[in-house]
Amino acid sequence: MERSAIESKMVDLLVEELGIERDKITMAAKFEEDLEVDSLGVVELLMALEDNFDVNIPDEEAEAITTVSEAVDIVEAKVNA
């Protein structure tokens, strides 16, 4: 799957699952600081990513995710493995 498709789906999930305004989302945006996503929101997003991309993201990898781009990196690596 191409990175652009993963990025697009990631933005859609952030809007649909967490109610974030689309124009606030950039690849460099930090979940907690920039997008005001709390720890519960991050868990919800991870579950949505696993469901939508049919991947498994272990807790130790999930804990390292701080930006939208990092989340895309992990999904891209797993989808294209």
PDB file of N, CA and C in Angstrom:
ATOM      1  N   MET A   1       0.851  -1.182   0.000  1.00  0.00           N
ATOM      2  CA  MET A   1       0.000   0.000   0.000  1.00  0.00           C
ATOM      3  C   MET A   1       0.894   1.241   0.000  1.00  0.00           C
ATOM      4  N   GLU A   2       0.536   2.207  -0.803  1.00  0.00           N
ATOM      5  CA  GLU A   2       1.338   3.429  -0.907  1.00  0.00           C
ATOM      6  C   GLU A   2       1.171   4.307   0.325  1.00  0.00           C
ATOM      7  N   ARG A   3       2.251   5.022   0.656  1.00  0.00           N
ATOM      8  CA  ARG A   3       2.231   5.893   1.834  1.00  0.00           C
ATOM      9  C   ARG A   3       1.117   6.938   1.732  1.00  0.00           C
ATOM     10  N   SER A   4       0.900   7.482   0.552  1.00  0.00           N
ATOM     11  CA  SER A   4      -0.130   8.517   0.397  1.00  0.00           C
ATOM     12  C   SER A   4      -1.510   7.978   0.750  1.00  0.00           C
ATOM     13  N   ALA A   5      -1.777   6.720   0.416  1.00  0.00           N
ATOM     14  CA  ALA A   5      -3.069   6.111   0.744  1.00  0.00           C
ATOM     15  C   ALA A   5      -3.197   5.916   2.258  1.00  0.00           C
ATOM     16  N   ILE A   6      -2.097   5.524   2.901  1.00  0.00           N
ATOM     17  CA  ILE A   6      -2.107   5.345   4.353  1.00  0.00           C
ATOM     18  C   ILE A   6      -2.315   6.695   5.039  1.00  0.00           C
ATOM     19  N   GLU A   7      -1.612   7.727   4.556  1.00  0.00           N
ATOM     20  CA  GLU A   7      -1.771   9.066   5.126  1.00  0.00           C
ATOM     21  C   GLU A   7      -3.206   9.550   5.005  1.00  0.00           C
ATOM     22  N   SER A   8      -3.802   9.354   3.850  1.00  0.00           N
ATOM     23  CA  SER A   8      -5.177   9.790   3.620  1.00  0.00           C
ATOM     24  C   SER A   8      -6.142   9.079   4.566  1.00  0.00           C
ATOM     25  N   LYS A   9      -5.980   7.771   4.704  1.00  0.00           N
ATOM     26  CA  LYS A   9      -6.849   6.995   5.591  1.00  0.00           C
ATOM     27  C   LYS A   9      -6.627   7.399   7.050  1.00  0.00           C
ATOM     28  N   MET A  10      -5.371   7.696   7.403  1.00  0.00           N
ATOM     29  CA  MET A  10      -5.059   8.132   8.763  1.00  0.00           C
ATOM     30  C   MET A  10      -5.809   9.418   9.091  1.00  0.00           C
ATOM     31  N   VAL A  11      -5.786  10.365   8.174  1.00  0.00           N
ATOM     32  CA  VAL A  11      -6.496  11.633   8.384  1.00  0.00           C
ATOM     33  C   VAL A  11      -7.989  11.363   8.528  1.00  0.00           C
ATOM     34  N   ASP A  12      -8.534  10.517   7.667  1.00  0.00           N
ATOM     35  CA  ASP A  12      -9.962  10.174   7.759  1.00  0.00           C
ATOM     36  C   ASP A  12     -10.300   9.579   9.124  1.00  0.00           C
ATOM     37  N   LEU A  13      -9.441   8.685   9.619  1.00  0.00           N
ATOM     38  CA  LEU A  13      -9.695   8.058  10.919  1.00  0.00           C
ATOM     39  C   LEU A  13      -9.638   9.076  12.053  1.00  0.00           C
ATOM     40  N   LEU A  14      -8.688   9.991  11.978  1.00  0.00           N
ATOM     41  CA  LEU A  14      -8.584  11.015  13.019  1.00  0.00           C
ATOM     42  C   LEU A  14      -9.835  11.891  13.046  1.00  0.00           C
ATOM     43  N   VAL A  15     -10.371  12.191  11.881  1.00  0.00           N
ATOM     44  CA  VAL A  15     -11.588  13.005  11.795  1.00  0.00           C
ATOM     45  C   VAL A  15     -12.797  12.201  12.293  1.00  0.00           C
ATOM     46  N   GLU A  16     -12.946  10.971  11.783  1.00  0.00           N
ATOM     47  CA  GLU A  16     -14.120  10.155  12.095  1.00  0.00           C
ATOM     48  C   GLU A  16     -14.112   9.622  13.525  1.00  0.00           C
ATOM     49  N   GLU A  17     -12.980   9.089  13.968  1.00  0.00           N
ATOM     50  CA  GLU A  17     -12.913   8.425  15.273  1.00  0.00           C
ATOM     51  C   GLU A  17     -12.747   9.408  16.429  1.00  0.00           C
ATOM     52  N   LEU A  18     -11.971  10.473  16.212  1.00  0.00           N
ATOM     53  CA  LEU A  18     -11.636  11.363  17.316  1.00  0.00           C
ATOM     54  C   LEU A  18     -12.216  12.762  17.179  1.00  0.00           C
ATOM     55  N   GLY A  19     -12.875  13.042  16.058  1.00  0.00           N
ATOM     56  CA  GLY A  19     -13.524  14.331  15.883  1.00  0.00           C
ATOM     57  C   GLY A  19     -12.563  15.503  15.722  1.00  0.00           C
ATOM     58  N   ILE A  20     -11.373  15.229  15.225  1.00  0.00           N
ATOM     59  CA  ILE A  20     -10.388  16.294  15.023  1.00  0.00           C
ATOM     60  C   ILE A  20     -10.698  17.008  13.709  1.00  0.00           C
ATOM     61  N   GLU A  21     -10.542  18.329  13.721  1.00  0.00           N
ATOM     62  CA  GLU A  21     -10.778  19.102  12.504  1.00  0.00           C
ATOM     63  C   GLU A  21      -9.714  18.760  11.473  1.00  0.00           C
ATOM     64  N   ARG A  22     -10.164  18.467  10.253  1.00  0.00           N
ATOM     65  CA  ARG A  22      -9.265  18.032   9.179  1.00  0.00           C
ATOM     66  C   ARG A  22      -8.129  19.022   8.931  1.00  0.00           C
ATOM     67  N   ASP A  23      -8.411  20.321   9.016  1.00  0.00           N
ATOM     68  CA  ASP A  23      -7.372  21.310   8.697  1.00  0.00           C
ATOM     69  C   ASP A  23      -6.309  21.434   9.789  1.00  0.00           C
ATOM     70  N   LYS A  24      -6.531  20.817  10.956  1.00  0.00           N
ATOM     71  CA  LYS A  24      -5.526  20.834  12.023  1.00  0.00           C
ATOM     72  C   LYS A  24      -4.517  19.696  11.879  1.00  0.00           C
ATOM     73  N   ILE A  25      -4.837  18.719  11.043  1.00  0.00           N
ATOM     74  CA  ILE A  25      -4.022  17.504  10.951  1.00  0.00           C
ATOM     75  C   ILE A  25      -2.925  17.663   9.907  1.00  0.00           C
ATOM     76  N   THR A  26      -1.688  17.541  10.377  1.00  0.00           N
ATOM     77  CA  THR A  26      -0.523  17.484   9.481  1.00  0.00           C
ATOM     78  C   THR A  26       0.273  16.252   9.869  1.00  0.00           C
ATOM     79  N   MET A  27       1.192  15.846   9.022  1.00  0.00           N
ATOM     80  CA  MET A  27       2.008  14.679   9.337  1.00  0.00           C
ATOM     81  C   MET A  27       2.929  14.960  10.533  1.00  0.00           C
ATOM     82  N   ALA A  28       3.288  16.213  10.738  1.00  0.00           N
ATOM     83  CA  ALA A  28       4.182  16.570  11.844  1.00  0.00           C
ATOM     84  C   ALA A  28       3.432  16.816  13.153  1.00  0.00           C
ATOM     85  N   ALA A  29       2.106  16.838  13.100  1.00  0.00           N
ATOM     86  CA  ALA A  29       1.315  17.130  14.298  1.00  0.00           C
ATOM     87  C   ALA A  29       1.529  16.067  15.365  1.00  0.00           C
ATOM     88  N   LYS A  30       1.737  16.538  16.594  1.00  0.00           N
ATOM     89  CA  LYS A  30       1.870  15.637  17.736  1.00  0.00           C
ATOM     90  C   LYS A  30       0.477  15.386  18.292  1.00  0.00           C
ATOM     91  N   PHE A  31       0.184  14.119  18.579  1.00  0.00           N
ATOM     92  CA  PHE A  31      -1.158  13.762  19.032  1.00  0.00           C
ATOM     93  C   PHE A  31      -1.580  14.532  20.273  1.00  0.00           C
ATOM     94  N   GLU A  32      -0.754  14.513  21.314  1.00  0.00           N
ATOM     95  CA  GLU A  32      -1.164  15.139  22.569  1.00  0.00           C
ATOM     96  C   GLU A  32      -1.064  16.659  22.518  1.00  0.00           C
ATOM     97  N   GLU A  33       0.067  17.185  22.063  1.00  0.00           N
ATOM     98  CA  GLU A  33       0.278  18.628  22.107  1.00  0.00           C
ATOM     99  C   GLU A  33      -0.519  19.391  21.040  1.00  0.00           C
ATOM    100  N   ASP A  34      -0.440  18.926  19.790  1.00  0.00           N
ATOM    101  CA  ASP A  34      -1.060  19.671  18.692  1.00  0.00           C
ATOM    102  C   ASP A  34      -2.532  19.326  18.460  1.00  0.00           C
ATOM    103  N   LEU A  35      -2.862  18.043  18.591  1.00  0.00           N
ATOM    104  CA  LEU A  35      -4.223  17.597  18.277  1.00  0.00           C
ATOM    105  C   LEU A  35      -5.071  17.375  19.524  1.00  0.00           C
ATOM    106  N   GLU A  36      -4.456  17.558  20.702  1.00  0.00           N
ATOM    107  CA  GLU A  36      -5.160  17.437  21.976  1.00  0.00           C
ATOM    108  C   GLU A  36      -5.860  16.087  22.136  1.00  0.00           C
ATOM    109  N   VAL A  37      -5.146  15.017  21.743  1.00  0.00           N
ATOM    110  CA  VAL A  37      -5.662  13.660  21.891  1.00  0.00           C
ATOM    111  C   VAL A  37      -5.139  13.116  23.216  1.00  0.00           C
ATOM    112  N   ASP A  38      -6.049  12.697  24.104  1.00  0.00           N
ATOM    113  CA  ASP A  38      -5.613  12.136  25.379  1.00  0.00           C
ATOM    114  C   ASP A  38      -5.246  10.658  25.199  1.00  0.00           C
ATOM    115  N   SER A  39      -4.796  10.026  26.272  1.00  0.00           N
ATOM    116  CA  SER A  39      -4.334   8.640  26.178  1.00  0.00           C
ATOM    117  C   SER A  39      -5.457   7.699  25.723  1.00  0.00           C
ATOM    118  N   LEU A  40      -6.678   7.964  26.143  1.00  0.00           N
ATOM    119  CA  LEU A  40      -7.802   7.146  25.696  1.00  0.00           C
ATOM    120  C   LEU A  40      -8.014   7.307  24.189  1.00  0.00           C
ATOM    121  N   GLY A  41      -7.879   8.528  23.698  1.00  0.00           N
ATOM    122  CA  GLY A  41      -8.012   8.781  22.263  1.00  0.00           C
ATOM    123  C   GLY A  41      -6.948   8.061  21.460  1.00  0.00           C
ATOM    124  N   VAL A  42      -5.742   8.011  22.007  1.00  0.00           N
ATOM    125  CA  VAL A  42      -4.656   7.300  21.324  1.00  0.00           C
ATOM    126  C   VAL A  42      -4.977   5.813  21.247  1.00  0.00           C
ATOM    127  N   VAL A  43      -5.506   5.248  22.330  1.00  0.00           N
ATOM    128  CA  VAL A  43      -5.894   3.835  22.331  1.00  0.00           C
ATOM    129  C   VAL A  43      -6.989   3.588  21.298  1.00  0.00           C
ATOM    130  N   GLU A  44      -7.982   4.479  21.238  1.00  0.00           N
ATOM    131  CA  GLU A  44      -9.072   4.349  20.256  1.00  0.00           C
ATOM    132  C   GLU A  44      -8.511   4.387  18.842  1.00  0.00           C
ATOM    133  N   LEU A  45      -7.572   5.306  18.609  1.00  0.00           N
ATOM    134  CA  LEU A  45      -6.971   5.422  17.279  1.00  0.00           C
ATOM    135  C   LEU A  45      -6.204   4.150  16.927  1.00  0.00           C
ATOM    136  N   LEU A  46      -5.441   3.623  17.867  1.00  0.00           N
ATOM    137  CA  LEU A  46      -4.672   2.400  17.601  1.00  0.00           C
ATOM    138  C   LEU A  46      -5.592   1.240  17.254  1.00  0.00           C
ATOM    139  N   MET A  47      -6.702   1.118  17.963  1.00  0.00           N
ATOM    140  CA  MET A  47      -7.656   0.048  17.659  1.00  0.00           C
ATOM    141  C   MET A  47      -8.245   0.246  16.267  1.00  0.00           C
ATOM    142  N   ALA A  48      -8.545   1.485  15.906  1.00  0.00           N
ATOM    143  CA  ALA A  48      -9.085   1.777  14.577  1.00  0.00           C
ATOM    144  C   ALA A  48      -8.050   1.463  13.496  1.00  0.00           C
ATOM    145  N   LEU A  49      -6.793   1.794  13.765  1.00  0.00           N
ATOM    146  CA  LEU A  49      -5.726   1.493  12.798  1.00  0.00           C
ATOM    147  C   LEU A  49      -5.603  -0.012  12.593  1.00  0.00           C
ATOM    148  N   GLU A  50      -5.610  -0.752  13.694  1.00  0.00           N
ATOM    149  CA  GLU A  50      -5.484  -2.203  13.590  1.00  0.00           C
ATOM    150  C   GLU A  50      -6.649  -2.795  12.795  1.00  0.00           C
ATOM    151  N   ASP A  51      -7.852  -2.303  13.044  1.00  0.00           N
ATOM    152  CA  ASP A  51      -9.031  -2.798  12.327  1.00  0.00           C
ATOM    153  C   ASP A  51      -9.000  -2.421  10.852  1.00  0.00           C
ATOM    154  N   ASN A  52      -8.695  -1.157  10.569  1.00  0.00           N
ATOM    155  CA  ASN A  52      -8.772  -0.663   9.194  1.00  0.00           C
ATOM    156  C   ASN A  52      -7.638  -1.146   8.298  1.00  0.00           C
ATOM    157  N   PHE A  53      -6.480  -1.376   8.886  1.00  0.00           N
ATOM    158  CA  PHE A  53      -5.334  -1.804   8.086  1.00  0.00           C
ATOM    159  C   PHE A  53      -4.990  -3.278   8.293  1.00  0.00           C
ATOM    160  N   ASP A  54      -5.758  -3.964   9.142  1.00  0.00           N
ATOM    161  CA  ASP A  54      -5.545  -5.379   9.431  1.00  0.00           C
ATOM    162  C   ASP A  54      -4.104  -5.647   9.869  1.00  0.00           C
ATOM    163  N   VAL A  55      -3.662  -4.862  10.857  1.00  0.00           N
ATOM    164  CA  VAL A  55      -2.319  -5.014  11.408  1.00  0.00           C
ATOM    165  C   VAL A  55      -2.422  -5.141  12.932  1.00  0.00           C
ATOM    166  N   ASN A  56      -1.328  -5.567  13.546  1.00  0.00           N
ATOM    167  CA  ASN A  56      -1.240  -5.633  14.999  1.00  0.00           C
ATOM    168  C   ASN A  56      -0.104  -4.719  15.433  1.00  0.00           C
ATOM    169  N   ILE A  57      -0.413  -3.767  16.312  1.00  0.00           N
ATOM    170  CA  ILE A  57       0.599  -2.833  16.803  1.00  0.00           C
ATOM    171  C   ILE A  57       0.817  -3.136  18.289  1.00  0.00           C
ATOM    172  N   PRO A  58       1.956  -3.777  18.620  1.00  0.00           N
ATOM    173  CA  PRO A  58       2.238  -4.100  20.024  1.00  0.00           C
ATOM    174  C   PRO A  58       2.348  -2.842  20.877  1.00  0.00           C
ATOM    175  N   ASP A  59       2.063  -2.990  22.172  1.00  0.00           N
ATOM    176  CA  ASP A  59       2.086  -1.845  23.090  1.00  0.00           C
ATOM    177  C   ASP A  59       3.409  -1.102  23.078  1.00  0.00           C
ATOM    178  N   GLU A  60       4.530  -1.844  23.034  1.00  0.00           N
ATOM    179  CA  GLU A  60       5.829  -1.170  23.073  1.00  0.00           C
ATOM    180  C   GLU A  60       6.053  -0.286  21.838  1.00  0.00           C
ATOM    181  N   GLU A  61       5.512  -0.684  20.694  1.00  0.00           N
ATOM    182  CA  GLU A  61       5.600   0.158  19.497  1.00  0.00           C
ATOM    183  C   GLU A  61       4.628   1.324  19.603  1.00  0.00           C
ATOM    184  N   ALA A  62       3.438   1.049  20.113  1.00  0.00           N
ATOM    185  CA  ALA A  62       2.409   2.086  20.235  1.00  0.00           C
ATOM    186  C   ALA A  62       2.865   3.210  21.156  1.00  0.00           C
ATOM    187  N   GLU A  63       3.578   2.861  22.217  1.00  0.00           N
ATOM    188  CA  GLU A  63       4.033   3.868  23.169  1.00  0.00           C
ATOM    189  C   GLU A  63       5.024   4.850  22.553  1.00  0.00           C
ATOM    190  N   ALA A  64       5.696   4.448  21.491  1.00  0.00           N
ATOM    191  CA  ALA A  64       6.696   5.298  20.849  1.00  0.00           C
ATOM    192  C   ALA A  64       6.076   6.280  19.845  1.00  0.00           C
ATOM    193  N   ILE A  65       4.805   6.125  19.562  1.00  0.00           N
ATOM    194  CA  ILE A  65       4.142   6.978  18.569  1.00  0.00           C
ATOM    195  C   ILE A  65       3.751   8.310  19.206  1.00  0.00           C
ATOM    196  N   THR A  66       4.300   9.397  18.672  1.00  0.00           N
ATOM    197  CA  THR A  66       3.931  10.719  19.192  1.00  0.00           C
ATOM    198  C   THR A  66       3.361  11.626  18.114  1.00  0.00           C
ATOM    199  N   THR A  67       3.671  11.342  16.841  1.00  0.00           N
ATOM    200  CA  THR A  67       3.181  12.193  15.752  1.00  0.00           C
ATOM    201  C   THR A  67       2.369  11.372  14.753  1.00  0.00           C
ATOM    202  N   VAL A  68       1.619  12.076  13.929  1.00  0.00           N
ATOM    203  CA  VAL A  68       0.840  11.420  12.877  1.00  0.00           C
ATOM    204  C   VAL A  68       1.783  10.667  11.942  1.00  0.00           C
ATOM    205  N   SER A  69       2.904  11.278  11.595  1.00  0.00           N
ATOM    206  CA  SER A  69       3.873  10.657  10.693  1.00  0.00           C
ATOM    207  C   SER A  69       4.420   9.350  11.261  1.00  0.00           C
ATOM    208  N   GLU A  70       4.697   9.326  12.564  1.00  0.00           N
ATOM    209  CA  GLU A  70       5.201   8.097  13.190  1.00  0.00           C
ATOM    210  C   GLU A  70       4.154   6.985  13.128  1.00  0.00           C
ATOM    211  N   ALA A  71       2.903   7.338  13.302  1.00  0.00           N
ATOM    212  CA  ALA A  71       1.833   6.350  13.202  1.00  0.00           C
ATOM    213  C   ALA A  71       1.757   5.799  11.775  1.00  0.00           C
ATOM    214  N   VAL A  72       1.893   6.685  10.797  1.00  0.00           N
ATOM    215  CA  VAL A  72       1.882   6.261   9.395  1.00  0.00           C
ATOM    216  C   VAL A  72       3.079   5.350   9.124  1.00  0.00           C
ATOM    217  N   ASP A  73       4.255   5.706   9.671  1.00  0.00           N
ATOM    218  CA  ASP A  73       5.457   4.877   9.475  1.00  0.00           C
ATOM    219  C   ASP A  73       5.233   3.456   9.941  1.00  0.00           C
ATOM    220  N   ILE A  74       4.659   3.304  11.129  1.00  0.00           N
ATOM    221  CA  ILE A  74       4.453   1.969  11.695  1.00  0.00           C
ATOM    222  C   ILE A  74       3.436   1.182  10.877  1.00  0.00           C
ATOM    223  N   VAL A  75       2.338   1.820  10.510  1.00  0.00           N
ATOM    224  CA  VAL A  75       1.314   1.143   9.704  1.00  0.00           C
ATOM    225  C   VAL A  75       1.913   0.747   8.348  1.00  0.00           C
ATOM    226  N   GLU A  76       2.647   1.667   7.732  1.00  0.00           N
ATOM    227  CA  GLU A  76       3.242   1.380   6.422  1.00  0.00           C
ATOM    228  C   GLU A  76       4.193   0.182   6.499  1.00  0.00           C
ATOM    229  N   ALA A  77       5.025   0.140   7.543  1.00  0.00           N
ATOM    230  CA  ALA A  77       5.967  -0.971   7.701  1.00  0.00           C
ATOM    231  C   ALA A  77       5.224  -2.299   7.868  1.00  0.00           C
ATOM    232  N   LYS A  78       4.133  -2.286   8.619  1.00  0.00           N
ATOM    233  CA  LYS A  78       3.396  -3.527   8.883  1.00  0.00           C
ATOM    234  C   LYS A  78       2.587  -3.967   7.660  1.00  0.00           C
ATOM    235  N   VAL A  79       1.969  -3.017   6.984  1.00  0.00           N
ATOM    236  CA  VAL A  79       1.154  -3.349   5.815  1.00  0.00           C
ATOM    237  C   VAL A  79       2.019  -3.896   4.675  1.00  0.00           C
ATOM    238  N   ASN A  80       3.206  -3.327   4.540  1.00  0.00           N
ATOM    239  CA  ASN A  80       4.076  -3.694   3.430  1.00  0.00           C
ATOM    240  C   ASN A  80       5.132  -4.730   3.802  1.00  0.00           C
ATOM    241  N   ALA A  81       4.994  -5.324   4.990  1.00  0.00           N
ATOM    242  CA  ALA A  81       5.993  -6.321   5.447  1.00  0.00           C
ATOM    243  C   ALA A  81       5.881  -7.594   4.632  1.00  0.00           C
TER     244      ALA A  81
END
